[in-house]
């Protein structure tokens, strides 16, 4: 199974600077998406220390240009590092650091976009139970945010691809105040452990993740998957 692949991704760009600001002009983007990029590095570092490698290969990618319209992930989709037909899943990390959601504290919880679009969601929910994290479907944002991060570029190729987030919205989302000291590092470590467990489950399971045929929102992705598998 080493010639099949699971991707872990995040974007490392933010929205730059605001020249008109009087004092702080830099949009640091500590949560969006410094947290996701750091998490990819930390998860890769942890998995690299395993004495027993997973059965599938794991690929770690940081994309640029998500804030400009998924430019980096769209480029990757046109120039993949590994065959699309052999890429069984993409897990994208976005805003996994802050727990001060506008909807209230989000400690030991995480939401996955399009969680019921494929069996990847089932894997993360099972991993969450083992790690003490509730992985759930946000009633409004889970489906609505599916197309708003880099997972969409992989899903358009038919790869079961989802984004894991802790807080979809917080007081200074896309604001100058998204600084490192507002990250909940203890909770972020829990999310990293969840991600490690779920990746290993995906990488060691002989059965590939599947799109949910009962969900009409997956039809386009299922068709794209069949196309690439036919190639």
Protein backbone atom coordinates (compact mmCIF):
# COMPACT_ATOMS: atom_id res chain seq x y z
CA UNK A 1 0.00 0.00 0.00
CA UNK A 2 3.02 2.32 0.04
CA UNK A 3 2.16 3.50 -3.49
CA UNK A 4 -1.12 4.99 -2.28
CA UNK A 5 -1.18 8.28 -0.42
CA UNK A 6 -2.87 10.32 2.29
CA UNK A 7 -2.26 14.09 2.21
CA UNK A 8 -2.12 16.46 5.16
CA UNK A 9 -2.29 20.08 4.02
CA UNK A 10 -2.65 23.69 5.19
CA UNK A 11 -2.10 27.14 3.72
CA UNK A 12 0.67 29.46 4.88
CA UNK A 13 -0.42 32.77 3.36
CA UNK A 14 -2.64 35.39 4.92
CA UNK A 15 -3.86 38.76 3.61
CA UNK A 16 -0.70 40.86 3.95
CA UNK A 17 -0.59 44.40 5.33
CA UNK A 18 -2.93 47.38 5.63
CA UNK A 19 -0.87 50.45 4.68
CA UNK A 20 -3.48 52.86 5.99
CA UNK A 21 -3.31 51.57 9.56
CA UNK A 22 -1.72 53.95 12.05
CA UNK A 23 0.03 51.42 14.26
CA UNK A 24 -0.04 47.65 13.66
CA UNK A 25 -0.32 47.14 9.90
CA UNK A 26 0.48 43.42 9.63
CA UNK A 27 -2.17 40.73 9.37
CA UNK A 28 -0.24 38.04 11.21
CA UNK A 29 -2.81 35.31 10.68
CA UNK A 30 -1.67 33.27 13.68
CA UNK A 31 -4.81 31.15 13.60
CA UNK A 32 -5.62 31.61 9.91
CA UNK A 33 -3.61 29.76 9.05
CA UNK A 34 -0.38 29.78 10.99
CA UNK A 35 -1.97 27.22 13.29
CA UNK A 36 -2.68 24.84 10.41
CA UNK A 37 0.80 25.18 8.95
CA UNK A 38 2.49 24.61 12.30
CA UNK A 39 0.22 21.63 12.95
CA UNK A 40 1.26 20.03 9.65
CA UNK A 41 4.93 20.41 10.65
CA UNK A 42 4.36 19.05 14.15
CA UNK A 43 2.31 16.08 12.94
CA UNK A 44 4.94 15.27 10.32
CA UNK A 45 7.67 15.47 12.94
CA UNK A 46 5.80 13.15 15.29
CA UNK A 47 5.02 10.59 12.59
CA UNK A 48 8.62 10.63 11.35
CA UNK A 49 9.68 9.27 14.75
CA UNK A 50 7.53 6.15 14.49
CA UNK A 51 9.54 2.96 14.34
CA UNK A 52 6.77 1.22 12.43
CA UNK A 53 5.76 3.17 9.34
CA UNK A 54 2.13 3.32 8.21
CA UNK A 55 1.16 1.11 5.29
CA UNK A 56 0.25 4.01 3.01
CA UNK A 57 2.58 6.90 2.31
CA UNK A 58 1.85 10.23 3.97
CA UNK A 59 2.43 13.47 2.06
CA UNK A 60 2.68 16.84 3.84
CA UNK A 61 2.03 19.95 1.78
CA UNK A 62 1.77 23.67 2.63
CA UNK A 63 -0.03 25.75 0.03
CA UNK A 64 0.28 29.44 -0.80
CA UNK A 65 -2.52 31.63 -2.12
CA UNK A 66 -5.56 30.16 -0.38
CA UNK A 67 -6.70 33.67 0.50
CA UNK A 68 -6.41 34.63 -3.19
CA UNK A 69 -8.72 31.86 -4.35
CA UNK A 70 -7.02 28.51 -3.61
CA UNK A 71 -4.17 29.36 -5.98
CA UNK A 72 -1.62 26.99 -4.45
CA UNK A 73 -3.92 24.00 -4.10
CA UNK A 74 -5.29 24.56 -7.61
CA UNK A 75 -1.71 24.56 -8.87
CA UNK A 76 -1.03 21.34 -6.98
CA UNK A 77 -4.14 19.81 -8.55
CA UNK A 78 -2.66 20.54 -11.99
CA UNK A 79 0.85 19.39 -10.98
CA UNK A 80 0.41 16.71 -8.30
CA UNK A 81 3.45 15.29 -6.56
CA UNK A 82 1.84 11.84 -6.43
CA UNK A 83 -0.79 10.31 -8.74
CA UNK A 84 -4.29 11.60 -8.11
CA UNK A 85 -5.72 8.14 -8.72
CA UNK A 86 -3.53 6.84 -5.88
CA UNK A 87 -4.35 9.68 -3.50
CA UNK A 88 -7.01 8.25 -1.20
CA UNK A 89 -7.65 11.27 1.05
CA UNK A 90 -6.68 14.84 1.88
CA UNK A 91 -7.03 16.24 5.38
CA UNK A 92 -6.70 20.02 5.38
CA UNK A 93 -6.09 21.95 8.61
CA UNK A 94 -7.51 25.44 8.94
CA UNK A 95 -7.92 27.55 12.08
CA UNK A 96 -7.10 24.82 14.58
CA UNK A 97 -5.41 27.06 17.17
CA UNK A 98 -7.97 29.38 18.70
CA UNK A 99 -10.87 28.25 20.84
CA UNK A 100 -12.47 31.69 21.38
CA UNK A 101 -15.14 31.18 18.76
CA UNK A 102 -17.79 33.84 18.24
CA UNK A 103 -20.24 31.07 19.17
CA UNK A 104 -18.56 30.39 22.51
CA UNK A 105 -15.50 28.43 23.70
CA UNK A 106 -14.58 25.45 21.53
CA UNK A 107 -12.40 23.34 23.80
CA UNK A 108 -11.95 19.64 22.98
CA UNK A 109 -14.16 20.01 19.92
CA UNK A 110 -13.46 20.16 16.20
CA UNK A 111 -15.66 20.40 13.17
CA UNK A 112 -15.00 18.90 9.75
CA UNK A 113 -16.34 20.45 6.59
CA UNK A 114 -18.56 18.12 4.61
CA UNK A 115 -18.17 15.60 7.40
CA UNK A 116 -20.87 13.33 5.98
CA UNK A 117 -19.65 13.67 2.40
CA UNK A 118 -17.24 10.74 2.81
CA UNK A 119 -16.06 8.08 5.23
CA UNK A 120 -13.13 10.31 6.23
CA UNK A 121 -15.56 11.98 8.63
CA UNK A 122 -16.33 8.63 10.28
CA UNK A 123 -12.61 8.02 10.81
CA UNK A 124 -12.12 11.41 12.48
CA UNK A 125 -15.12 10.90 14.72
CA UNK A 126 -13.76 7.52 15.84
CA UNK A 127 -10.31 9.04 16.40
CA UNK A 128 -11.92 11.88 18.32
CA UNK A 129 -13.64 9.46 20.68
CA UNK A 130 -10.26 7.86 21.42
CA UNK A 131 -8.61 11.24 22.02
CA UNK A 132 -11.42 12.87 23.98
CA UNK A 133 -12.37 15.34 21.25
CA UNK A 134 -15.89 15.72 19.92
CA UNK A 135 -15.71 15.83 16.12
CA UNK A 136 -19.04 17.08 14.90
CA UNK A 137 -20.99 18.49 11.99
CA UNK A 138 -21.61 22.20 12.44
CA UNK A 139 -25.27 22.67 11.48
CA UNK A 140 -24.56 25.72 9.31
CA UNK A 141 -20.86 25.90 8.50
CA UNK A 142 -19.86 22.29 7.86
CA UNK A 143 -21.31 22.18 4.36
CA UNK A 144 -21.11 25.92 3.66
CA UNK A 145 -17.35 26.07 4.32
CA UNK A 146 -16.49 22.96 2.31
CA UNK A 147 -15.62 25.07 -0.74
CA UNK A 148 -13.79 27.77 1.23
CA UNK A 149 -10.46 26.08 1.82
CA UNK A 150 -7.83 24.07 -0.03
CA UNK A 151 -9.62 20.74 0.35
CA UNK A 152 -11.92 21.87 -2.48
CA UNK A 153 -9.15 21.66 -5.08
CA UNK A 154 -8.53 18.00 -4.20
CA UNK A 155 -12.23 17.18 -3.94
CA UNK A 156 -12.73 18.51 -7.47
CA UNK A 157 -10.34 15.77 -8.59
CA UNK A 158 -12.42 13.17 -6.80
CA UNK A 159 -10.18 12.81 -3.74
CA UNK A 160 -12.15 12.58 -0.48
CA UNK A 161 -10.91 15.84 1.01
CA UNK A 162 -12.08 17.81 4.04
CA UNK A 163 -10.99 20.66 6.27
CA UNK A 164 -10.73 20.30 10.03
CA UNK A 165 -11.34 23.47 12.06
CA UNK A 166 -11.83 24.37 15.71
CA UNK A 167 -13.41 27.81 15.29
CA UNK A 168 -14.96 28.91 12.02
CA UNK A 169 -15.30 32.49 13.24
CA UNK A 170 -13.74 34.48 16.09
CA UNK A 171 -13.71 38.17 17.08
CA UNK A 172 -10.78 39.27 14.88
CA UNK A 173 -11.14 36.81 12.02
CA UNK A 174 -9.21 38.30 9.08
CA UNK A 175 -8.28 41.13 11.40
CA UNK A 176 -5.04 42.68 12.60
CA UNK A 177 -5.49 41.14 16.03
CA UNK A 178 -5.06 37.49 15.06
CA UNK A 179 -1.84 37.12 17.09
CA UNK A 180 0.04 34.11 18.46
CA UNK A 181 -0.82 34.81 22.10
CA UNK A 182 -4.50 34.13 21.44
CA UNK A 183 -3.84 30.53 20.40
CA UNK A 184 -4.89 27.82 22.86
CA UNK A 185 -1.75 25.69 22.61
CA UNK A 186 -2.92 22.96 24.98
CA UNK A 187 -6.06 22.41 22.92
CA UNK A 188 -4.09 22.62 19.70
CA UNK A 189 -1.86 19.79 20.92
CA UNK A 190 -5.00 17.69 21.45
CA UNK A 191 -6.13 18.42 17.90
CA UNK A 192 -2.70 17.40 16.64
CA UNK A 193 -2.97 14.08 18.47
CA UNK A 194 -6.41 13.59 16.97
CA UNK A 195 -4.97 14.26 13.53
CA UNK A 196 -2.11 11.83 14.04
CA UNK A 197 -4.47 9.06 15.13
CA UNK A 198 -6.87 9.65 12.24
CA UNK A 199 -4.07 9.78 9.66
CA UNK A 200 -2.72 6.47 10.89
CA UNK A 201 -6.20 4.95 10.70
CA UNK A 202 -6.56 6.15 7.12
CA UNK A 203 -3.06 5.05 6.18
CA UNK A 204 -3.33 1.54 7.65
CA UNK A 205 -6.84 0.62 6.55
CA UNK A 206 -6.81 -1.54 3.38
CA UNK A 207 -10.20 -0.06 2.45
CA UNK A 208 -9.94 3.34 0.78
CA UNK A 209 -12.16 6.21 1.95
CA UNK A 210 -15.32 6.53 -0.13
CA UNK A 211 -17.64 9.36 -1.03
CA UNK A 212 -21.12 8.99 0.43
CA UNK A 213 -23.34 7.93 -2.46
CA UNK A 214 -26.48 8.68 -0.45
CA UNK A 215 -25.57 12.37 -0.24
CA UNK A 216 -26.52 14.21 -3.46
CA UNK A 217 -23.89 16.89 -2.75
CA UNK A 218 -21.14 14.36 -3.56
CA UNK A 219 -22.23 13.47 -7.10
CA UNK A 220 -19.68 15.71 -8.81
CA UNK A 221 -16.86 14.36 -6.66
CA UNK A 222 -17.88 10.75 -7.18
CA UNK A 223 -17.89 11.27 -10.94
CA UNK A 224 -14.45 12.87 -10.81
CA UNK A 225 -13.16 9.93 -8.76
CA UNK A 226 -14.43 7.42 -11.29
CA UNK A 227 -12.80 9.39 -14.08
CA UNK A 228 -9.37 9.32 -12.44
CA UNK A 229 -9.65 5.69 -11.42
CA UNK A 230 -10.48 4.87 -15.03
CA UNK A 231 -7.26 6.52 -16.12
